[in-house]
PDB file of N, CA and C in Angstrom:
ATOM      1  N   MET A   1      99.467  99.321 113.248  1.00  0.00           N
ATOM      2  CA  MET A   1      99.103  98.572 112.455  1.00  0.00           C
ATOM      3  C   MET A   1      99.153  98.978 110.819  1.00  0.00           C
ATOM      4  N   SER A   2      98.034  99.354 110.115  1.00  0.00           N
ATOM      5  CA  SER A   2      98.018  99.682 109.135  1.00  0.00           C
ATOM      6  C   SER A   2      98.589 100.342 108.373  1.00  0.00           C
ATOM      7  N   ASP A   3      99.754 101.269 108.872  1.00  0.00           N
ATOM      8  CA  ASP A   3     100.888 102.531 108.706  1.00  0.00           C
ATOM      9  C   ASP A   3     101.956 100.723 108.581  1.00  0.00           C
ATOM     10  N   PHE A   4     102.289 100.335 108.805  1.00  0.00           N
ATOM     11  CA  PHE A   4     103.217  99.217 108.072  1.00  0.00           C
ATOM     12  C   PHE A   4     102.467  98.180 107.222  1.00  0.00           C
ATOM     13  N   LEU A   5     101.490  98.240 107.281  1.00  0.00           N
ATOM     14  CA  LEU A   5     101.112  97.129 106.068  1.00  0.00           C
ATOM     15  C   LEU A   5     100.836  98.205 104.773  1.00  0.00           C
ATOM     16  N   VAL A   6     100.466 100.054 105.051  1.00  0.00           N
ATOM     17  CA  VAL A   6     100.807 100.343 103.428  1.00  0.00           C
ATOM     18  C   VAL A   6     102.663  99.886 103.287  1.00  0.00           C
ATOM     19  N   ALA A   7     103.103  99.883 104.507  1.00  0.00           N
ATOM     20  CA  ALA A   7     104.446 100.438 103.756  1.00  0.00           C
ATOM     21  C   ALA A   7     105.132  99.049 103.240  1.00  0.00           C
ATOM     22  N   ILE A   8     104.646  97.882 103.368  1.00  0.00           N
ATOM     23  CA  ILE A   8     104.637  96.686 102.883  1.00  0.00           C
ATOM     24  C   ILE A   8     104.389  96.831 101.585  1.00  0.00           C
ATOM     25  N   GLY A   9     103.209  97.628 101.971  1.00  0.00           N
ATOM     26  CA  GLY A   9     102.678  97.192 100.057  1.00  0.00           C
ATOM     27  C   GLY A   9     103.349  98.347  98.753  1.00  0.00           C
ATOM     28  N   LEU A  10     103.590  99.212  99.737  1.00  0.00           N
ATOM     29  CA  LEU A  10     104.396 100.166  98.457  1.00  0.00           C
ATOM     30  C   LEU A  10     105.842  99.098  98.694  1.00  0.00           C
ATOM     31  N   VAL A  11     106.646  98.548  99.437  1.00  0.00           N
ATOM     32  CA  VAL A  11     107.469  97.710  99.386  1.00  0.00           C
ATOM     33  C   VAL A  11     107.485  96.736  98.219  1.00  0.00           C
ATOM     34  N   PHE A  12     106.384  96.195  98.386  1.00  0.00           N
ATOM     35  CA  PHE A  12     106.218  95.452  96.586  1.00  0.00           C
ATOM     36  C   PHE A  12     105.262  95.670  95.556  1.00  0.00           C
ATOM     37  N   ALA A  13     104.857  96.875  95.746  1.00  0.00           N
ATOM     38  CA  ALA A  13     104.760  98.133  94.281  1.00  0.00           C
ATOM     39  C   ALA A  13     106.161  97.975  93.758  1.00  0.00           C
ATOM     40  N   LEU A  14     106.714  98.833  94.314  1.00  0.00           N
ATOM     41  CA  LEU A  14     107.940  99.123  93.956  1.00  0.00           C
ATOM     42  C   LEU A  14     109.293  98.024  93.434  1.00  0.00           C
ATOM     43  N   GLU A  15     109.227  96.904  94.567  1.00  0.00           N
ATOM     44  CA  GLU A  15     110.227  95.908  94.027  1.00  0.00           C
ATOM     45  C   GLU A  15     109.484  95.668  92.073  1.00  0.00           C
ATOM     46  N   GLY A  16     108.354  95.336  92.355  1.00  0.00           N
ATOM     47  CA  GLY A  16     107.235  94.563  91.263  1.00  0.00           C
ATOM     48  C   GLY A  16     107.575  95.346  90.091  1.00  0.00           C
ATOM     49  N   ILE A  17     107.234  96.858  90.087  1.00  0.00           N
ATOM     50  CA  ILE A  17     107.652  98.064  89.284  1.00  0.00           C
ATOM     51  C   ILE A  17     109.626  97.812  88.488  1.00  0.00           C
ATOM     52  N   LEU A  18     109.914  97.897  89.578  1.00  0.00           N
ATOM     53  CA  LEU A  18     111.388  97.576  88.950  1.00  0.00           C
ATOM     54  C   LEU A  18     111.829  96.208  88.010  1.00  0.00           C
ATOM     55  N   PHE A  19     111.075  95.176  88.911  1.00  0.00           N
ATOM     56  CA  PHE A  19     111.656  93.776  88.246  1.00  0.00           C
ATOM     57  C   PHE A  19     110.647  94.132  86.397  1.00  0.00           C
ATOM     58  N   ALA A  20     109.897  94.482  86.597  1.00  0.00           N
ATOM     59  CA  ALA A  20     109.155  94.627  85.089  1.00  0.00           C
ATOM     60  C   ALA A  20     109.557  95.440  84.213  1.00  0.00           C
ATOM     61  N   ALA A  21     109.797  96.736  84.898  1.00  0.00           N
ATOM     62  CA  ALA A  21     110.189  97.772  83.640  1.00  0.00           C
ATOM     63  C   ALA A  21     111.792  97.469  83.400  1.00  0.00           C
ATOM     64  N   PHE A  22     112.549  96.934  84.631  1.00  0.00           N
ATOM     65  CA  PHE A  22     114.461  96.661  84.347  1.00  0.00           C
ATOM     66  C   PHE A  22     114.483  95.244  85.023  1.00  0.00           C
ATOM     67  N   PRO A  23     114.050  94.438  83.992  1.00  0.00           N
ATOM     68  CA  PRO A  23     114.607  92.813  84.135  1.00  0.00           C
ATOM     69  C   PRO A  23     115.846  92.258  83.717  1.00  0.00           C
ATOM     70  N   GLY A  24     116.781  92.920  83.009  1.00  0.00           N
ATOM     71  CA  GLY A  24     118.068  92.557  83.096  1.00  0.00           C
ATOM     72  C   GLY A  24     119.495  93.332  83.875  1.00  0.00           C
ATOM     73  N   PRO A  25     118.303  95.422  84.205  1.00  0.00           N
ATOM     74  CA  PRO A  25     120.146  95.500  85.438  1.00  0.00           C
ATOM     75  C   PRO A  25     119.449  94.995  86.959  1.00  0.00           C
ATOM     76  N   VAL A  26     118.063  94.237  86.890  1.00  0.00           N
ATOM     77  CA  VAL A  26     118.076  94.456  88.474  1.00  0.00           C
ATOM     78  C   VAL A  26     118.580  92.348  88.229  1.00  0.00           C
ATOM     79  N   LYS A  27     119.131  91.841  87.416  1.00  0.00           N
ATOM     80  CA  LYS A  27     119.510  90.523  87.378  1.00  0.00           C
ATOM     81  C   LYS A  27     120.982  90.913  87.450  1.00  0.00           C
ATOM     82  N   GLN A  28     121.806  91.869  86.335  1.00  0.00           N
ATOM     83  CA  GLN A  28     123.019  92.743  86.825  1.00  0.00           C
ATOM     84  C   GLN A  28     123.089  92.642  88.197  1.00  0.00           C
ATOM     85  N   ALA A  29     122.410  93.478  88.897  1.00  0.00           N
ATOM     86  CA  ALA A  29     123.011  94.231  90.489  1.00  0.00           C
ATOM     87  C   ALA A  29     123.183  93.218  91.129  1.00  0.00           C
ATOM     88  N   MET A  30     121.518  91.599  91.023  1.00  0.00           N
ATOM     89  CA  MET A  30     122.073  90.725  91.921  1.00  0.00           C
ATOM     90  C   MET A  30     123.244  89.955  92.048  1.00  0.00           C
ATOM     91  N   THR A  31     123.919  89.960  90.758  1.00  0.00           N
ATOM     92  CA  THR A  31     124.949  88.951  90.490  1.00  0.00           C
ATOM     93  C   THR A  31     126.136  90.005  90.849  1.00  0.00           C
ATOM     94  N   HIS A  32     126.080  90.842  90.992  1.00  0.00           N
ATOM     95  CA  HIS A  32     127.262  91.956  91.846  1.00  0.00           C
ATOM     96  C   HIS A  32     126.974  91.967  93.335  1.00  0.00           C
ATOM     97  N   VAL A  33     125.289  91.526  93.713  1.00  0.00           N
ATOM     98  CA  VAL A  33     125.969  91.983  95.050  1.00  0.00           C
ATOM     99  C   VAL A  33     126.266  90.234  95.421  1.00  0.00           C
ATOM    100  N   THR A  34     126.028  89.464  95.245  1.00  0.00           N
ATOM    101  CA  THR A  34     126.322  87.632  95.039  1.00  0.00           C
ATOM    102  C   THR A  34     128.391  88.256  95.326  1.00  0.00           C
ATOM    103  N   ASP A  35     128.934  88.795  94.568  1.00  0.00           N
ATOM    104  CA  ASP A  35     130.226  89.400  94.642  1.00  0.00           C
ATOM    105  C   ASP A  35     130.636  89.993  95.512  1.00  0.00           C
ATOM    106  N   THR A  36     129.739  90.979  96.102  1.00  0.00           N
ATOM    107  CA  THR A  36     130.240  91.957  96.849  1.00  0.00           C
ATOM    108  C   THR A  36     130.079  91.622  98.542  1.00  0.00           C
ATOM    109  N   PRO A  37     131.516  91.418  98.956  1.00  0.00           N
ATOM    110  CA  PRO A  37     132.018  91.345 100.653  1.00  0.00           C
ATOM    111  C   PRO A  37     130.861  91.603 101.637  1.00  0.00           C
ATOM    112  N   ASP A  38     130.835  90.695 102.696  1.00  0.00           N
ATOM    113  CA  ASP A  38     129.622  90.841 103.328  1.00  0.00           C
ATOM    114  C   ASP A  38     129.993  91.676 104.510  1.00  0.00           C
ATOM    115  N   GLY A  39     130.510  92.016 104.481  1.00  0.00           N
ATOM    116  CA  GLY A  39     131.357  93.703 105.266  1.00  0.00           C
ATOM    117  C   GLY A  39     130.175  94.528 104.729  1.00  0.00           C
ATOM    118  N   THR A  40     130.715  94.892 103.558  1.00  0.00           N
ATOM    119  CA  THR A  40     130.202  96.170 102.582  1.00  0.00           C
ATOM    120  C   THR A  40     128.900  95.861 102.749  1.00  0.00           C
ATOM    121  N   LEU A  41     128.051  94.799 102.775  1.00  0.00           N
ATOM    122  CA  LEU A  41     126.742  94.650 102.507  1.00  0.00           C
ATOM    123  C   LEU A  41     125.949  94.871 103.834  1.00  0.00           C
ATOM    124  N   ARG A  42     126.709  94.290 104.839  1.00  0.00           N
ATOM    125  CA  ARG A  42     125.766  94.391 106.254  1.00  0.00           C
ATOM    126  C   ARG A  42     126.612  96.181 106.172  1.00  0.00           C
ATOM    127  N   ILE A  43     127.135  97.072 106.228  1.00  0.00           N
ATOM    128  CA  ILE A  43     127.275  98.223 106.024  1.00  0.00           C
ATOM    129  C   ILE A  43     126.242  98.544 105.194  1.00  0.00           C
ATOM    130  N   ILE A  44     126.176  98.474 103.853  1.00  0.00           N
ATOM    131  CA  ILE A  44     125.240  99.061 103.268  1.00  0.00           C
ATOM    132  C   ILE A  44     123.704  98.670 104.482  1.00  0.00           C
ATOM    133  N   GLY A  45     123.593  97.568 104.413  1.00  0.00           N
ATOM    134  CA  GLY A  45     122.298  96.947 105.681  1.00  0.00           C
ATOM    135  C   GLY A  45     121.923  98.488 106.785  1.00  0.00           C
ATOM    136  N   ILE A  46     123.083  98.127 107.556  1.00  0.00           N
ATOM    137  CA  ILE A  46     123.313  99.133 108.362  1.00  0.00           C
ATOM    138  C   ILE A  46     122.593 100.236 108.168  1.00  0.00           C
ATOM    139  N   VAL A  47     123.340 101.776 106.793  1.00  0.00           N
ATOM    140  CA  VAL A  47     123.134 102.663 106.659  1.00  0.00           C
ATOM    141  C   VAL A  47     121.841 102.864 106.591  1.00  0.00           C
ATOM    142  N   SER A  48     121.100 101.758 105.375  1.00  0.00           N
ATOM    143  CA  SER A  48     119.665 102.181 105.398  1.00  0.00           C
ATOM    144  C   SER A  48     118.947 101.846 105.745  1.00  0.00           C
ATOM    145  N   ALA A  49     119.353 101.334 106.890  1.00  0.00           N
ATOM    146  CA  ALA A  49     118.136 100.859 108.123  1.00  0.00           C
ATOM    147  C   ALA A  49     117.665 102.446 108.990  1.00  0.00           C
ATOM    148  N   VAL A  50     119.217 102.984 109.177  1.00  0.00           N
ATOM    149  CA  VAL A  50     119.538 103.723 109.601  1.00  0.00           C
ATOM    150  C   VAL A  50     118.518 104.942 108.876  1.00  0.00           C
ATOM    151  N   VAL A  51     119.159 105.151 107.885  1.00  0.00           N
ATOM    152  CA  VAL A  51     118.237 106.261 106.922  1.00  0.00           C
ATOM    153  C   VAL A  51     116.756 106.365 106.674  1.00  0.00           C
ATOM    154  N   GLY A  52     116.227 104.971 107.072  1.00  0.00           N
ATOM    155  CA  GLY A  52     115.059 104.391 107.272  1.00  0.00           C
ATOM    156  C   GLY A  52     114.110 104.686 107.958  1.00  0.00           C
ATOM    157  N   VAL A  53     114.662 104.565 109.346  1.00  0.00           N
ATOM    158  CA  VAL A  53     114.261 105.318 110.537  1.00  0.00           C
ATOM    159  C   VAL A  53     114.281 106.942 110.718  1.00  0.00           C
ATOM    160  N   ILE A  54     115.066 106.932 110.027  1.00  0.00           N
ATOM    161  CA  ILE A  54     115.322 108.606 110.964  1.00  0.00           C
ATOM    162  C   ILE A  54     114.213 110.154 109.724  1.00  0.00           C
ATOM    163  N   LEU A  55     114.563 109.224 108.477  1.00  0.00           N
ATOM    164  CA  LEU A  55     113.059 109.251 107.346  1.00  0.00           C
ATOM    165  C   LEU A  55     111.648 109.127 108.059  1.00  0.00           C
ATOM    166  N   VAL A  56     111.413 108.460 108.404  1.00  0.00           N
ATOM    167  CA  VAL A  56     110.250 108.160 108.862  1.00  0.00           C
ATOM    168  C   VAL A  56     109.931 108.647 110.054  1.00  0.00           C
ATOM    169  N   TRP A  57     110.596 108.997 110.977  1.00  0.00           N
ATOM    170  CA  TRP A  57     111.133 109.930 112.628  1.00  0.00           C
ATOM    171  C   TRP A  57     110.687 111.282 112.253  1.00  0.00           C
ATOM    172  N   PHE A  58     111.831 111.499 111.000  1.00  0.00           N
ATOM    173  CA  PHE A  58     110.709 113.218 110.653  1.00  0.00           C
ATOM    174  C   PHE A  58     109.371 113.310 110.068  1.00  0.00           C
ATOM    175  N   ILE A  59     109.530 112.306 109.019  1.00  0.00           N
ATOM    176  CA  ILE A  59     107.689 112.378 108.667  1.00  0.00           C
ATOM    177  C   ILE A  59     106.803 112.322 109.571  1.00  0.00           C
ATOM    178  N   ARG A  60     106.804 111.021 110.382  1.00  0.00           N
ATOM    179  CA  ARG A  60     105.297 111.346 111.156  1.00  0.00           C
ATOM    180  C   ARG A  60     105.774 111.790 112.850  1.00  0.00           C
ATOM    181  N   GLY A  61     106.835 112.245 112.938  1.00  0.00           N
ATOM    182  CA  GLY A  61     106.646 113.413 114.096  1.00  0.00           C
ATOM    183  C   GLY A  61     106.998 112.911 115.254  1.00  0.00           C
TER     184      GLY A  61
END
C-alpha cells in the first residue's frame, strides 16, 4: 500500500511541476484533448495503462 501512495504522490508532484512550469502549453493540450475523438483517447489510455503495468512489472520483478 505504501508503494501505491508513493506512486500517487509522484503523479501529483509531476502534474504540479508541469502546471507550474508550463501553464500555457498545458491549457493548449487540454483544448486539443477535447477535440480528440473518444476512440482515440480510449486507445491512448489503454496503451498507456499497459505500458505502465509492464514498466512496473519489470522494475518490481
